[in-house]
């Protein structure tokens, strides 16, 4: 395969390639460091992604306010 063919394949199948790489990384992590440590890494990565997207959308102070409001509504008595 030539570089241009590989590039064209990647352009046509972005999601397939991305998800396959995520699965490969998760499998290597599970085999090397264990299931629960891998779950912790994935959980913390997801929380970081979510918090980063809130900062992008609302700014730093707004993201903290959104999270605070969520926990207030979660633990408030009605």
PDB file of N, CA and C in Angstrom:
ATOM      1  N   UNK A   1       0.825  -1.185   0.000  1.00  0.00           N
ATOM      2  CA  UNK A   1       0.000   0.000   0.000  1.00  0.00           C
ATOM      3  C   UNK A   1       0.868   1.247   0.000  1.00  0.00           C
ATOM      4  N   UNK A   2       0.469   2.179  -0.789  1.00  0.00           N
ATOM      5  CA  UNK A   2       1.159   3.450  -0.826  1.00  0.00           C
ATOM      6  C   UNK A   2       0.585   4.384   0.235  1.00  0.00           C
ATOM      7  N   UNK A   3       1.350   5.401   0.557  1.00  0.00           N
ATOM      8  CA  UNK A   3       0.937   6.366   1.561  1.00  0.00           C
ATOM      9  C   UNK A   3      -0.392   7.020   1.183  1.00  0.00           C
ATOM     10  N   UNK A   4      -0.574   7.363  -0.072  1.00  0.00           N
ATOM     11  CA  UNK A   4      -1.815   8.015  -0.514  1.00  0.00           C
ATOM     12  C   UNK A   4      -3.019   7.091  -0.340  1.00  0.00           C
ATOM     13  N   UNK A   5      -2.834   5.802  -0.573  1.00  0.00           N
ATOM     14  CA  UNK A   5      -3.930   4.843  -0.390  1.00  0.00           C
ATOM     15  C   UNK A   5      -4.297   4.718   1.081  1.00  0.00           C
ATOM     16  N   UNK A   6      -3.281   4.691   1.933  1.00  0.00           N
ATOM     17  CA  UNK A   6      -3.535   4.620   3.375  1.00  0.00           C
ATOM     18  C   UNK A   6      -4.246   5.889   3.842  1.00  0.00           C
ATOM     19  N   UNK A   7      -3.798   7.035   3.359  1.00  0.00           N
ATOM     20  CA  UNK A   7      -4.421   8.311   3.718  1.00  0.00           C
ATOM     21  C   UNK A   7      -5.880   8.363   3.257  1.00  0.00           C
ATOM     22  N   UNK A   8      -6.154   7.872   2.064  1.00  0.00           N
ATOM     23  CA  UNK A   8      -7.524   7.847   1.546  1.00  0.00           C
ATOM     24  C   UNK A   8      -8.396   6.897   2.370  1.00  0.00           C
ATOM     25  N   UNK A   9      -7.843   5.736   2.742  1.00  0.00           N
ATOM     26  CA  UNK A   9      -8.582   4.787   3.576  1.00  0.00           C
ATOM     27  C   UNK A   9      -8.917   5.411   4.925  1.00  0.00           C
ATOM     28  N   UNK A  10      -7.949   6.100   5.531  1.00  0.00           N
ATOM     29  CA  UNK A  10      -8.172   6.737   6.830  1.00  0.00           C
ATOM     30  C   UNK A  10      -9.229   7.832   6.712  1.00  0.00           C
ATOM     31  N   UNK A  11      -9.225   8.574   5.607  1.00  0.00           N
ATOM     32  CA  UNK A  11     -10.211   9.636   5.416  1.00  0.00           C
ATOM     33  C   UNK A  11     -11.621   9.062   5.273  1.00  0.00           C
ATOM     34  N   UNK A  12     -11.745   7.922   4.612  1.00  0.00           N
ATOM     35  CA  UNK A  12     -13.058   7.292   4.420  1.00  0.00           C
ATOM     36  C   UNK A  12     -13.569   6.618   5.678  1.00  0.00           C
ATOM     37  N   UNK A  13     -12.659   6.152   6.531  1.00  0.00           N
ATOM     38  CA  UNK A  13     -13.038   5.340   7.693  1.00  0.00           C
ATOM     39  C   UNK A  13     -12.509   5.918   8.998  1.00  0.00           C
ATOM     40  N   UNK A  14     -12.697   7.215   9.224  1.00  0.00           N
ATOM     41  CA  UNK A  14     -12.152   7.871  10.412  1.00  0.00           C
ATOM     42  C   UNK A  14     -12.640   7.232  11.704  1.00  0.00           C
ATOM     43  N   UNK A  15     -13.929   7.042  11.811  1.00  0.00           N
ATOM     44  CA  UNK A  15     -14.496   6.505  13.057  1.00  0.00           C
ATOM     45  C   UNK A  15     -14.054   5.066  13.297  1.00  0.00           C
ATOM     46  N   UNK A  16     -14.032   4.258  12.265  1.00  0.00           N
ATOM     47  CA  UNK A  16     -13.591   2.873  12.418  1.00  0.00           C
ATOM     48  C   UNK A  16     -12.161   2.809  12.921  1.00  0.00           C
ATOM     49  N   UNK A  17     -11.303   3.615  12.339  1.00  0.00           N
ATOM     50  CA  UNK A  17      -9.898   3.618  12.732  1.00  0.00           C
ATOM     51  C   UNK A  17      -9.751   4.131  14.159  1.00  0.00           C
ATOM     52  N   UNK A  18     -10.448   5.213  14.496  1.00  0.00           N
ATOM     53  CA  UNK A  18     -10.356   5.801  15.827  1.00  0.00           C
ATOM     54  C   UNK A  18     -10.841   4.835  16.904  1.00  0.00           C
ATOM     55  N   UNK A  19     -12.000   4.243  16.695  1.00  0.00           N
ATOM     56  CA  UNK A  19     -12.554   3.322  17.688  1.00  0.00           C
ATOM     57  C   UNK A  19     -11.688   2.069  17.804  1.00  0.00           C
ATOM     58  N   UNK A  20     -11.140   1.606  16.703  1.00  0.00           N
ATOM     59  CA  UNK A  20     -10.247   0.452  16.743  1.00  0.00           C
ATOM     60  C   UNK A  20      -8.996   0.768  17.555  1.00  0.00           C
ATOM     61  N   UNK A  21      -8.441   1.960  17.375  1.00  0.00           N
ATOM     62  CA  UNK A  21      -7.268   2.348  18.158  1.00  0.00           C
ATOM     63  C   UNK A  21      -7.600   2.468  19.639  1.00  0.00           C
ATOM     64  N   UNK A  22      -8.765   3.010  19.962  1.00  0.00           N
ATOM     65  CA  UNK A  22      -9.198   3.092  21.358  1.00  0.00           C
ATOM     66  C   UNK A  22      -9.317   1.697  21.958  1.00  0.00           C
ATOM     67  N   UNK A  23      -9.915   0.772  21.210  1.00  0.00           N
ATOM     68  CA  UNK A  23     -10.031  -0.607  21.684  1.00  0.00           C
ATOM     69  C   UNK A  23      -8.683  -1.266  21.873  1.00  0.00           C
ATOM     70  N   UNK A  24      -7.762  -1.023  20.968  1.00  0.00           N
ATOM     71  CA  UNK A  24      -6.416  -1.588  21.083  1.00  0.00           C
ATOM     72  C   UNK A  24      -5.699  -1.041  22.311  1.00  0.00           C
ATOM     73  N   UNK A  25      -5.799   0.259  22.529  1.00  0.00           N
ATOM     74  CA  UNK A  25      -5.164   0.862  23.705  1.00  0.00           C
ATOM     75  C   UNK A  25      -5.776   0.318  24.989  1.00  0.00           C
ATOM     76  N   UNK A  26      -7.109   0.190  25.027  1.00  0.00           N
ATOM     77  CA  UNK A  26      -7.774  -0.352  26.213  1.00  0.00           C
ATOM     78  C   UNK A  26      -7.351  -1.800  26.460  1.00  0.00           C
ATOM     79  N   UNK A  27      -7.231  -2.596  25.403  1.00  0.00           N
ATOM     80  CA  UNK A  27      -6.818  -3.994  25.561  1.00  0.00           C
ATOM     81  C   UNK A  27      -5.390  -4.088  26.090  1.00  0.00           C
ATOM     82  N   UNK A  28      -4.507  -3.272  25.568  1.00  0.00           N
ATOM     83  CA  UNK A  28      -3.117  -3.296  26.042  1.00  0.00           C
ATOM     84  C   UNK A  28      -3.048  -2.856  27.495  1.00  0.00           C
ATOM     85  N   UNK A  29      -3.818  -1.828  27.847  1.00  0.00           N
ATOM     86  CA  UNK A  29      -3.841  -1.386  29.245  1.00  0.00           C
ATOM     87  C   UNK A  29      -4.378  -2.475  30.164  1.00  0.00           C
ATOM     88  N   UNK A  30      -5.461  -3.136  29.754  1.00  0.00           N
ATOM     89  CA  UNK A  30      -6.033  -4.190  30.595  1.00  0.00           C
ATOM     90  C   UNK A  30      -5.063  -5.345  30.790  1.00  0.00           C
ATOM     91  N   UNK A  31      -4.344  -5.701  29.751  1.00  0.00           N
ATOM     92  CA  UNK A  31      -3.393  -6.794  29.871  1.00  0.00           C
ATOM     93  C   UNK A  31      -2.151  -6.402  30.663  1.00  0.00           C
ATOM     94  N   UNK A  32      -1.771  -5.142  30.604  1.00  0.00           N
ATOM     95  CA  UNK A  32      -0.529  -4.747  31.271  1.00  0.00           C
ATOM     96  C   UNK A  32      -0.745  -4.260  32.707  1.00  0.00           C
ATOM     97  N   UNK A  33      -1.806  -3.484  32.978  1.00  0.00           N
ATOM     98  CA  UNK A  33      -1.974  -2.952  34.330  1.00  0.00           C
ATOM     99  C   UNK A  33      -3.212  -3.485  35.041  1.00  0.00           C
ATOM    100  N   UNK A  34      -4.074  -4.191  34.363  1.00  0.00           N
ATOM    101  CA  UNK A  34      -5.242  -4.778  35.008  1.00  0.00           C
ATOM    102  C   UNK A  34      -6.532  -4.060  34.665  1.00  0.00           C
ATOM    103  N   UNK A  35      -7.628  -4.754  34.926  1.00  0.00           N
ATOM    104  CA  UNK A  35      -8.961  -4.288  34.551  1.00  0.00           C
ATOM    105  C   UNK A  35      -9.377  -3.032  35.313  1.00  0.00           C
ATOM    106  N   UNK A  36      -9.265  -3.060  36.649  1.00  0.00           N
ATOM    107  CA  UNK A  36      -9.777  -1.954  37.451  1.00  0.00           C
ATOM    108  C   UNK A  36      -8.928  -0.697  37.308  1.00  0.00           C
ATOM    109  N   UNK A  37      -7.631  -0.841  37.146  1.00  0.00           N
ATOM    110  CA  UNK A  37      -6.788   0.333  36.907  1.00  0.00           C
ATOM    111  C   UNK A  37      -7.118   0.950  35.550  1.00  0.00           C
ATOM    112  N   UNK A  38      -7.395   0.090  34.574  1.00  0.00           N
ATOM    113  CA  UNK A  38      -7.789   0.593  33.259  1.00  0.00           C
ATOM    114  C   UNK A  38      -9.117   1.327  33.342  1.00  0.00           C
ATOM    115  N   UNK A  39     -10.075   0.774  34.095  1.00  0.00           N
ATOM    116  CA  UNK A  39     -11.356   1.465  34.275  1.00  0.00           C
ATOM    117  C   UNK A  39     -11.164   2.819  34.944  1.00  0.00           C
ATOM    118  N   UNK A  40     -10.275   2.892  35.932  1.00  0.00           N
ATOM    119  CA  UNK A  40     -10.003   4.158  36.596  1.00  0.00           C
ATOM    120  C   UNK A  40      -9.423   5.172  35.612  1.00  0.00           C
ATOM    121  N   UNK A  41      -8.495   4.754  34.778  1.00  0.00           N
ATOM    122  CA  UNK A  41      -7.913   5.646  33.779  1.00  0.00           C
ATOM    123  C   UNK A  41      -8.989   6.139  32.819  1.00  0.00           C
ATOM    124  N   UNK A  42      -9.844   5.229  32.344  1.00  0.00           N
ATOM    125  CA  UNK A  42     -10.904   5.622  31.418  1.00  0.00           C
ATOM    126  C   UNK A  42     -11.909   6.559  32.079  1.00  0.00           C
ATOM    127  N   UNK A  43     -12.245   6.295  33.333  1.00  0.00           N
ATOM    128  CA  UNK A  43     -13.178   7.155  34.068  1.00  0.00           C
ATOM    129  C   UNK A  43     -12.603   8.552  34.251  1.00  0.00           C
ATOM    130  N   UNK A  44     -11.353   8.646  34.698  1.00  0.00           N
ATOM    131  CA  UNK A  44     -10.740   9.955  34.909  1.00  0.00           C
ATOM    132  C   UNK A  44     -10.539  10.707  33.601  1.00  0.00           C
ATOM    133  N   UNK A  45     -10.247   9.985  32.538  1.00  0.00           N
ATOM    134  CA  UNK A  45     -10.131  10.617  31.222  1.00  0.00           C
ATOM    135  C   UNK A  45     -11.479  11.176  30.785  1.00  0.00           C
ATOM    136  N   UNK A  46     -12.546  10.422  31.006  1.00  0.00           N
ATOM    137  CA  UNK A  46     -13.887  10.890  30.668  1.00  0.00           C
ATOM    138  C   UNK A  46     -14.290  12.111  31.478  1.00  0.00           C
ATOM    139  N   UNK A  47     -13.980  12.113  32.770  1.00  0.00           N
ATOM    140  CA  UNK A  47     -14.291  13.264  33.622  1.00  0.00           C
ATOM    141  C   UNK A  47     -13.499  14.484  33.144  1.00  0.00           C
ATOM    142  N   UNK A  48     -12.232  14.290  32.805  1.00  0.00           N
ATOM    143  CA  UNK A  48     -11.421  15.387  32.299  1.00  0.00           C
ATOM    144  C   UNK A  48     -11.953  15.938  30.988  1.00  0.00           C
ATOM    145  N   UNK A  49     -12.387  15.057  30.111  1.00  0.00           N
ATOM    146  CA  UNK A  49     -12.965  15.490  28.830  1.00  0.00           C
ATOM    147  C   UNK A  49     -14.244  16.282  29.065  1.00  0.00           C
ATOM    148  N   UNK A  50     -15.098  15.792  29.958  1.00  0.00           N
ATOM    149  CA  UNK A  50     -16.357  16.470  30.261  1.00  0.00           C
ATOM    150  C   UNK A  50     -16.096  17.856  30.857  1.00  0.00           C
ATOM    151  N   UNK A  51     -15.172  17.939  31.817  1.00  0.00           N
ATOM    152  CA  UNK A  51     -14.842  19.213  32.447  1.00  0.00           C
ATOM    153  C   UNK A  51     -14.223  20.179  31.431  1.00  0.00           C
ATOM    154  N   UNK A  52     -13.363  19.668  30.579  1.00  0.00           N
ATOM    155  CA  UNK A  52     -12.770  20.501  29.538  1.00  0.00           C
ATOM    156  C   UNK A  52     -13.802  21.039  28.571  1.00  0.00           C
ATOM    157  N   UNK A  53     -14.790  20.217  28.229  1.00  0.00           N
ATOM    158  CA  UNK A  53     -15.847  20.695  27.332  1.00  0.00           C
ATOM    159  C   UNK A  53     -16.715  21.748  28.020  1.00  0.00           C
ATOM    160  N   UNK A  54     -16.925  21.613  29.334  1.00  0.00           N
ATOM    161  CA  UNK A  54     -17.665  22.650  30.062  1.00  0.00           C
ATOM    162  C   UNK A  54     -16.882  23.955  30.086  1.00  0.00           C
ATOM    163  N   UNK A  55     -15.563  23.876  30.275  1.00  0.00           N
ATOM    164  CA  UNK A  55     -14.736  25.085  30.267  1.00  0.00           C
ATOM    165  C   UNK A  55     -14.783  25.742  28.896  1.00  0.00           C
ATOM    166  N   UNK A  56     -14.721  24.932  27.832  1.00  0.00           N
ATOM    167  CA  UNK A  56     -14.797  25.487  26.483  1.00  0.00           C
ATOM    168  C   UNK A  56     -16.127  26.197  26.239  1.00  0.00           C
ATOM    169  N   UNK A  57     -17.192  25.651  26.791  1.00  0.00           N
ATOM    170  CA  UNK A  57     -18.525  26.190  26.530  1.00  0.00           C
ATOM    171  C   UNK A  57     -18.864  27.385  27.425  1.00  0.00           C
ATOM    172  N   UNK A  58     -18.498  27.301  28.730  1.00  0.00           N
ATOM    173  CA  UNK A  58     -18.944  28.302  29.699  1.00  0.00           C
ATOM    174  C   UNK A  58     -17.818  29.135  30.293  1.00  0.00           C
ATOM    175  N   UNK A  59     -16.581  28.832  29.998  1.00  0.00           N
ATOM    176  CA  UNK A  59     -15.472  29.494  30.673  1.00  0.00           C
ATOM    177  C   UNK A  59     -15.202  28.790  31.994  1.00  0.00           C
ATOM    178  N   UNK A  60     -14.065  29.121  32.622  1.00  0.00           N
ATOM    179  CA  UNK A  60     -13.671  28.400  33.836  1.00  0.00           C
ATOM    180  C   UNK A  60     -14.659  28.592  34.974  1.00  0.00           C
ATOM    181  N   UNK A  61     -15.018  29.847  35.262  1.00  0.00           N
ATOM    182  CA  UNK A  61     -15.965  30.115  36.350  1.00  0.00           C
ATOM    183  C   UNK A  61     -17.346  29.550  36.056  1.00  0.00           C
ATOM    184  N   UNK A  62     -17.770  29.628  34.807  1.00  0.00           N
ATOM    185  CA  UNK A  62     -19.071  29.093  34.432  1.00  0.00           C
ATOM    186  C   UNK A  62     -19.129  27.585  34.549  1.00  0.00           C
ATOM    187  N   UNK A  63     -18.029  26.919  34.224  1.00  0.00           N
ATOM    188  CA  UNK A  63     -17.987  25.455  34.341  1.00  0.00           C
ATOM    189  C   UNK A  63     -18.096  25.045  35.799  1.00  0.00           C
ATOM    190  N   UNK A  64     -17.393  25.761  36.671  1.00  0.00           N
ATOM    191  CA  UNK A  64     -17.483  25.440  38.098  1.00  0.00           C
ATOM    192  C   UNK A  64     -18.896  25.688  38.624  1.00  0.00           C
ATOM    193  N   UNK A  65     -19.532  26.741  38.126  1.00  0.00           N
ATOM    194  CA  UNK A  65     -20.903  27.048  38.543  1.00  0.00           C
ATOM    195  C   UNK A  65     -21.873  25.955  38.070  1.00  0.00           C
ATOM    196  N   UNK A  66     -21.698  25.469  36.841  1.00  0.00           N
ATOM    197  CA  UNK A  66     -22.551  24.396  36.318  1.00  0.00           C
ATOM    198  C   UNK A  66     -22.408  23.145  37.162  1.00  0.00           C
ATOM    199  N   UNK A  67     -21.183  22.798  37.526  1.00  0.00           N
ATOM    200  CA  UNK A  67     -20.951  21.601  38.342  1.00  0.00           C
ATOM    201  C   UNK A  67     -21.532  21.788  39.739  1.00  0.00           C
ATOM    202  N   UNK A  68     -21.330  22.964  40.328  1.00  0.00           N
ATOM    203  CA  UNK A  68     -21.886  23.235  41.658  1.00  0.00           C
ATOM    204  C   UNK A  68     -23.411  23.160  41.641  1.00  0.00           C
ATOM    205  N   UNK A  69     -24.037  23.735  40.623  1.00  0.00           N
ATOM    206  CA  UNK A  69     -25.496  23.675  40.511  1.00  0.00           C
ATOM    207  C   UNK A  69     -25.990  22.249  40.344  1.00  0.00           C
ATOM    208  N   UNK A  70     -25.243  21.447  39.594  1.00  0.00           N
ATOM    209  CA  UNK A  70     -25.625  20.048  39.416  1.00  0.00           C
ATOM    210  C   UNK A  70     -25.618  19.309  40.747  1.00  0.00           C
ATOM    211  N   UNK A  71     -24.561  19.481  41.532  1.00  0.00           N
ATOM    212  CA  UNK A  71     -24.495  18.779  42.817  1.00  0.00           C
ATOM    213  C   UNK A  71     -25.499  19.323  43.821  1.00  0.00           C
ATOM    214  N   UNK A  72     -25.780  20.636  43.763  1.00  0.00           N
ATOM    215  CA  UNK A  72     -26.820  21.194  44.646  1.00  0.00           C
ATOM    216  C   UNK A  72     -28.179  20.590  44.323  1.00  0.00           C
ATOM    217  N   UNK A  73     -28.481  20.462  43.033  1.00  0.00           N
ATOM    218  CA  UNK A  73     -29.773  19.877  42.662  1.00  0.00           C
ATOM    219  C   UNK A  73     -29.802  18.379  42.948  1.00  0.00           C
ATOM    220  N   UNK A  74     -28.656  17.727  42.884  1.00  0.00           N
ATOM    221  CA  UNK A  74     -28.588  16.293  43.134  1.00  0.00           C
ATOM    222  C   UNK A  74     -28.836  15.973  44.607  1.00  0.00           C
ATOM    223  N   UNK A  75     -28.306  16.820  45.491  1.00  0.00           N
ATOM    224  CA  UNK A  75     -28.382  16.539  46.916  1.00  0.00           C
ATOM    225  C   UNK A  75     -29.379  17.406  47.670  1.00  0.00           C
ATOM    226  N   UNK A  76     -30.192  18.168  46.975  1.00  0.00           N
ATOM    227  CA  UNK A  76     -31.177  19.009  47.656  1.00  0.00           C
ATOM    228  C   UNK A  76     -32.428  18.180  47.981  1.00  0.00           C
ATOM    229  N   UNK A  77     -33.018  18.531  49.088  1.00  0.00           N
ATOM    230  CA  UNK A  77     -34.275  17.854  49.469  1.00  0.00           C
ATOM    231  C   UNK A  77     -35.429  18.618  48.851  1.00  0.00           C
ATOM    232  N   UNK A  78     -36.380  17.866  48.378  1.00  0.00           N
ATOM    233  CA  UNK A  78     -37.542  18.497  47.733  1.00  0.00           C
ATOM    234  C   UNK A  78     -38.784  18.239  48.504  1.00  0.00           C
TER     235      UNK A  78
END
